[in-house]
C-alpha atoms as a PDB file:
ATOM      1  CA  MET A   1     126.697 106.354 -53.466  1.00  0.00           C
ATOM      2  CA  PRO A   2     124.130 109.006 -53.946  1.00  0.00           C
ATOM      3  CA  THR A   3     120.684 108.482 -52.882  1.00  0.00           C
ATOM      4  CA  PRO A   4     118.271 107.740 -55.749  1.00  0.00           C
ATOM      5  CA  THR A   5     116.272 110.629 -56.704  1.00  0.00           C
ATOM      6  CA  GLN A   6     114.713 109.373 -59.864  1.00  0.00           C
ATOM      7  CA  SER A   7     113.336 105.898 -60.938  1.00  0.00           C
ATOM      8  CA  SER A   8     116.243 105.461 -63.411  1.00  0.00           C
ATOM      9  CA  ALA A   9     118.825 105.915 -60.557  1.00  0.00           C
ATOM     10  CA  PRO A  10     121.090 102.950 -59.880  1.00  0.00           C
ATOM     11  CA  CYS A  11     119.710 101.041 -56.896  1.00  0.00           C
ATOM     12  CA  PRO A  12     122.066 101.418 -53.754  1.00  0.00           C
ATOM     13  CA  CYS A  13     122.095  97.640 -53.468  1.00  0.00           C
ATOM     14  CA  GLN A  14     124.381  97.500 -56.617  1.00  0.00           C
ATOM     15  CA  SER A  15     122.060  94.871 -58.471  1.00  0.00           C
ATOM     16  CA  GLY A  16     122.708  96.707 -61.605  1.00  0.00           C
ATOM     17  CA  ALA A  17     118.882  97.407 -61.883  1.00  0.00           C
ATOM     18  CA  GLY A  18     117.472 100.855 -61.480  1.00  0.00           C
ATOM     19  CA  TYR A  19     116.214 101.737 -57.846  1.00  0.00           C
ATOM     20  CA  ASP A  20     112.410 101.744 -59.042  1.00  0.00           C
ATOM     21  CA  ALA A  21     112.705  98.309 -60.554  1.00  0.00           C
ATOM     22  CA  CYS A  22     114.856  96.949 -57.668  1.00  0.00           C
ATOM     23  CA  CYS A  23     114.520  97.949 -54.089  1.00  0.00           C
ATOM     24  CA  GLY A  24     112.262 100.903 -54.629  1.00  0.00           C
ATOM     25  CA  ARG A  25     109.279  98.641 -55.474  1.00  0.00           C
ATOM     26  CA  LEU A  26     109.730  96.820 -52.109  1.00  0.00           C
ATOM     27  CA  HIS A  27     110.297  99.948 -50.218  1.00  0.00           C
ATOM     28  CA  ARG A  28     106.858 101.277 -51.564  1.00  0.00           C
ATOM     29  CA  GLY A  29     104.937  97.936 -50.993  1.00  0.00           C
ATOM     30  CA  LYS A  30     104.482  97.288 -54.322  1.00  0.00           C
ATOM     31  CA  ALA A  31     106.091  93.715 -53.704  1.00  0.00           C
ATOM     32  CA  GLU A  32     107.564  91.424 -51.140  1.00  0.00           C
ATOM     33  CA  ALA A  33     111.220  90.102 -51.014  1.00  0.00           C
ATOM     34  CA  ALA A  34     111.182  86.721 -52.859  1.00  0.00           C
ATOM     35  CA  THR A  35     114.593  85.468 -51.214  1.00  0.00           C
ATOM     36  CA  ALA A  36     116.553  86.355 -47.861  1.00  0.00           C
ATOM     37  CA  GLU A  37     119.206  87.942 -50.199  1.00  0.00           C
ATOM     38  CA  GLU A  38     116.662  90.137 -51.801  1.00  0.00           C
ATOM     39  CA  LEU A  39     115.430  91.340 -48.569  1.00  0.00           C
ATOM     40  CA  MET A  40     119.077  91.914 -47.327  1.00  0.00           C
ATOM     41  CA  ARG A  41     119.768  94.025 -50.419  1.00  0.00           C
ATOM     42  CA  SER A  42     116.458  95.996 -49.869  1.00  0.00           C
ATOM     43  CA  ARG A  43     117.395  96.485 -46.126  1.00  0.00           C
ATOM     44  CA  TYR A  44     120.834  97.862 -47.367  1.00  0.00           C
ATOM     45  CA  SER A  45     119.006 100.319 -49.713  1.00  0.00           C
ATOM     46  CA  ALA A  46     116.508 101.232 -47.027  1.00  0.00           C
ATOM     47  CA  PHE A  47     119.583 102.495 -44.898  1.00  0.00           C
ATOM     48  CA  ALA A  48     121.009 104.329 -47.977  1.00  0.00           C
ATOM     49  CA  VAL A  49     117.787 106.262 -48.644  1.00  0.00           C
ATOM     50  CA  GLY A  50     116.898 106.668 -44.862  1.00  0.00           C
ATOM     51  CA  ASP A  51     113.764 104.589 -45.047  1.00  0.00           C
ATOM     52  CA  ARG A  52     113.346 103.736 -41.468  1.00  0.00           C
ATOM     53  CA  THR A  53     109.785 102.532 -41.724  1.00  0.00           C
ATOM     54  CA  TYR A  54     110.761  99.817 -44.171  1.00  0.00           C
ATOM     55  CA  LEU A  55     113.595  98.745 -41.903  1.00  0.00           C
ATOM     56  CA  LEU A  56     111.118  98.250 -39.041  1.00  0.00           C
ATOM     57  CA  LYS A  57     108.377  96.546 -41.154  1.00  0.00           C
ATOM     58  CA  THR A  58     111.036  93.821 -42.472  1.00  0.00           C
ATOM     59  CA  TRP A  59     112.498  93.313 -38.888  1.00  0.00           C
ATOM     60  CA  SER A  60     111.295  89.969 -36.986  1.00  0.00           C
ATOM     61  CA  SER A  61     108.538  90.692 -34.424  1.00  0.00           C
ATOM     62  CA  GLU A  62     110.789  88.739 -32.004  1.00  0.00           C
ATOM     63  CA  THR A  63     113.847  91.092 -32.374  1.00  0.00           C
ATOM     64  CA  ARG A  64     112.588  94.432 -33.600  1.00  0.00           C
ATOM     65  CA  PRO A  65     113.405  97.455 -31.542  1.00  0.00           C
ATOM     66  CA  ARG A  66     110.630  99.663 -30.509  1.00  0.00           C
ATOM     67  CA  GLY A  67     112.377 102.723 -32.527  1.00  0.00           C
ATOM     68  CA  LEU A  68     115.275 103.239 -35.025  1.00  0.00           C
ATOM     69  CA  GLU A  69     117.405 106.302 -35.303  1.00  0.00           C
ATOM     70  CA  LEU A  70     119.349 106.551 -38.505  1.00  0.00           C
ATOM     71  CA  ASP A  71     122.440 108.700 -38.638  1.00  0.00           C
ATOM     72  CA  PRO A  72     121.784 111.546 -41.536  1.00  0.00           C
ATOM     73  CA  GLY A  73     125.670 112.082 -41.737  1.00  0.00           C
ATOM     74  CA  GLN A  74     126.207 108.373 -42.794  1.00  0.00           C
ATOM     75  CA  GLU A  75     126.520 107.859 -46.520  1.00  0.00           C
ATOM     76  CA  TRP A  76     126.209 104.298 -47.676  1.00  0.00           C
ATOM     77  CA  THR A  77     128.833 103.722 -50.407  1.00  0.00           C
ATOM     78  CA  GLY A  78     128.840  99.935 -51.333  1.00  0.00           C
ATOM     79  CA  LEU A  79     127.450  96.445 -50.763  1.00  0.00           C
ATOM     80  CA  GLU A  80     129.146  93.125 -51.641  1.00  0.00           C
ATOM     81  CA  ILE A  81     127.500  89.745 -51.023  1.00  0.00           C
ATOM     82  CA  LEU A  82     130.014  87.231 -49.962  1.00  0.00           C
ATOM     83  CA  ARG A  83     127.845  84.131 -49.084  1.00  0.00           C
ATOM     84  CA  VAL A  84     124.274  83.169 -49.118  1.00  0.00           C
ATOM     85  CA  ALA A  85     123.051  79.929 -47.551  1.00  0.00           C
ATOM     86  CA  LYS A  86     119.435  78.826 -48.171  1.00  0.00           C
ATOM     87  CA  GLY A  87     116.789  81.544 -47.949  1.00  0.00           C
ATOM     88  CA  GLY A  88     114.912  80.575 -51.252  1.00  0.00           C
ATOM     89  CA  ALA A  89     111.387  80.187 -52.113  1.00  0.00           C
ATOM     90  CA  GLU A  90     111.073  76.775 -50.002  1.00  0.00           C
ATOM     91  CA  ASP A  91     113.052  77.729 -47.290  1.00  0.00           C
ATOM     92  CA  ARG A  92     112.074  78.899 -43.818  1.00  0.00           C
ATOM     93  CA  VAL A  93     115.400  80.152 -42.776  1.00  0.00           C
ATOM     94  CA  GLY A  94     118.482  81.819 -44.859  1.00  0.00           C
ATOM     95  CA  THR A  95     121.536  83.465 -44.125  1.00  0.00           C
ATOM     96  CA  VAL A  96     123.545  86.222 -46.089  1.00  0.00           C
ATOM     97  CA  GLU A  97     126.954  87.252 -45.284  1.00  0.00           C
ATOM     98  CA  PHE A  98     127.767  90.652 -46.618  1.00  0.00           C
ATOM     99  CA  ARG A  99     130.065  93.732 -46.395  1.00  0.00           C
ATOM    100  CA  ALA A 100     128.701  96.984 -46.433  1.00  0.00           C
ATOM    101  CA  ARG A 101     130.689 100.171 -46.644  1.00  0.00           C
ATOM    102  CA  PHE A 102     129.908 103.577 -45.382  1.00  0.00           C
ATOM    103  CA  ARG A 103     131.297 107.032 -44.926  1.00  0.00           C
ATOM    104  CA  THR A 104     130.892 109.110 -41.828  1.00  0.00           C
ATOM    105  CA  GLY A 105     132.588 112.536 -41.383  1.00  0.00           C
ATOM    106  CA  GLY A 106     134.644 111.788 -44.267  1.00  0.00           C
ATOM    107  CA  ILE A 107     136.109 108.606 -42.802  1.00  0.00           C
ATOM    108  CA  GLU A 108     135.481 105.309 -44.745  1.00  0.00           C
ATOM    109  CA  HIS A 109     134.300 102.303 -42.599  1.00  0.00           C
ATOM    110  CA  GLN A 110     132.919  98.810 -43.472  1.00  0.00           C
ATOM    111  CA  GLN A 111     130.702  96.441 -41.664  1.00  0.00           C
ATOM    112  CA  GLN A 112     130.712  92.642 -42.248  1.00  0.00           C
ATOM    113  CA  GLU A 113     127.924  90.603 -40.953  1.00  0.00           C
ATOM    114  CA  VAL A 114     126.214  87.092 -41.391  1.00  0.00           C
ATOM    115  CA  SER A 115     122.565  88.158 -40.972  1.00  0.00           C
ATOM    116  CA  THR A 116     119.785  85.760 -40.278  1.00  0.00           C
ATOM    117  CA  PHE A 117     116.513  85.884 -42.118  1.00  0.00           C
ATOM    118  CA  VAL A 118     113.215  84.102 -41.317  1.00  0.00           C
ATOM    119  CA  ARG A 119     109.760  83.818 -42.744  1.00  0.00           C
ATOM    120  CA  GLU A 120     106.928  85.398 -40.598  1.00  0.00           C
ATOM    121  CA  ASP A 121     103.349  85.107 -41.964  1.00  0.00           C
ATOM    122  CA  GLY A 122     104.840  83.936 -45.368  1.00  0.00           C
ATOM    123  CA  ARG A 123     107.306  86.734 -45.694  1.00  0.00           C
ATOM    124  CA  TRP A 124     110.849  87.213 -45.264  1.00  0.00           C
ATOM    125  CA  VAL A 125     112.153  89.369 -42.279  1.00  0.00           C
ATOM    126  CA  TYR A 126     115.426  90.204 -40.701  1.00  0.00           C
ATOM    127  CA  ARG A 127     115.972  88.460 -37.339  1.00  0.00           C
ATOM    128  CA  GLU A 128     119.390  89.051 -36.154  1.00  0.00           C
ATOM    129  CA  ALA A 129     123.044  89.426 -37.254  1.00  0.00           C
ATOM    130  CA  LEU A 130     126.600  88.315 -36.086  1.00  0.00           C
ATOM    131  CA  SER A 131     129.092  91.145 -36.850  1.00  0.00           C
ATOM    132  CA  LEU A 132     132.456  90.051 -37.940  1.00  0.00           C
ATOM    133  CA  ARG A 133     134.094  93.538 -37.937  1.00  0.00           C
END
């Protein structure tokens, strides 16, 4: 999936909305994710567009690494949400199972995870993931 270069480009999270109206507004700090799924989608998009700052900002203070290096040769090519449990407006914890596809060196890969999201200071953050593949 190409990196969005204009406001009308499709969002990498494959929501069907344009990048600016979808994850781009979260990346720019114009809004906060309302649900765990929305945060998960925005984090996938942040990987796709190389937004390391957003990834670290939306990582739980309990599990956040000191730094994060992204592979510039990795091209994120698709996202499929498989299951969502909790993570809504009234919840404190939510999980999202997803499958992300990416290409490195011309070779296709996929990663399937169950990620846990929690609220810190009233906003959703990523805590940890159980990798299934």
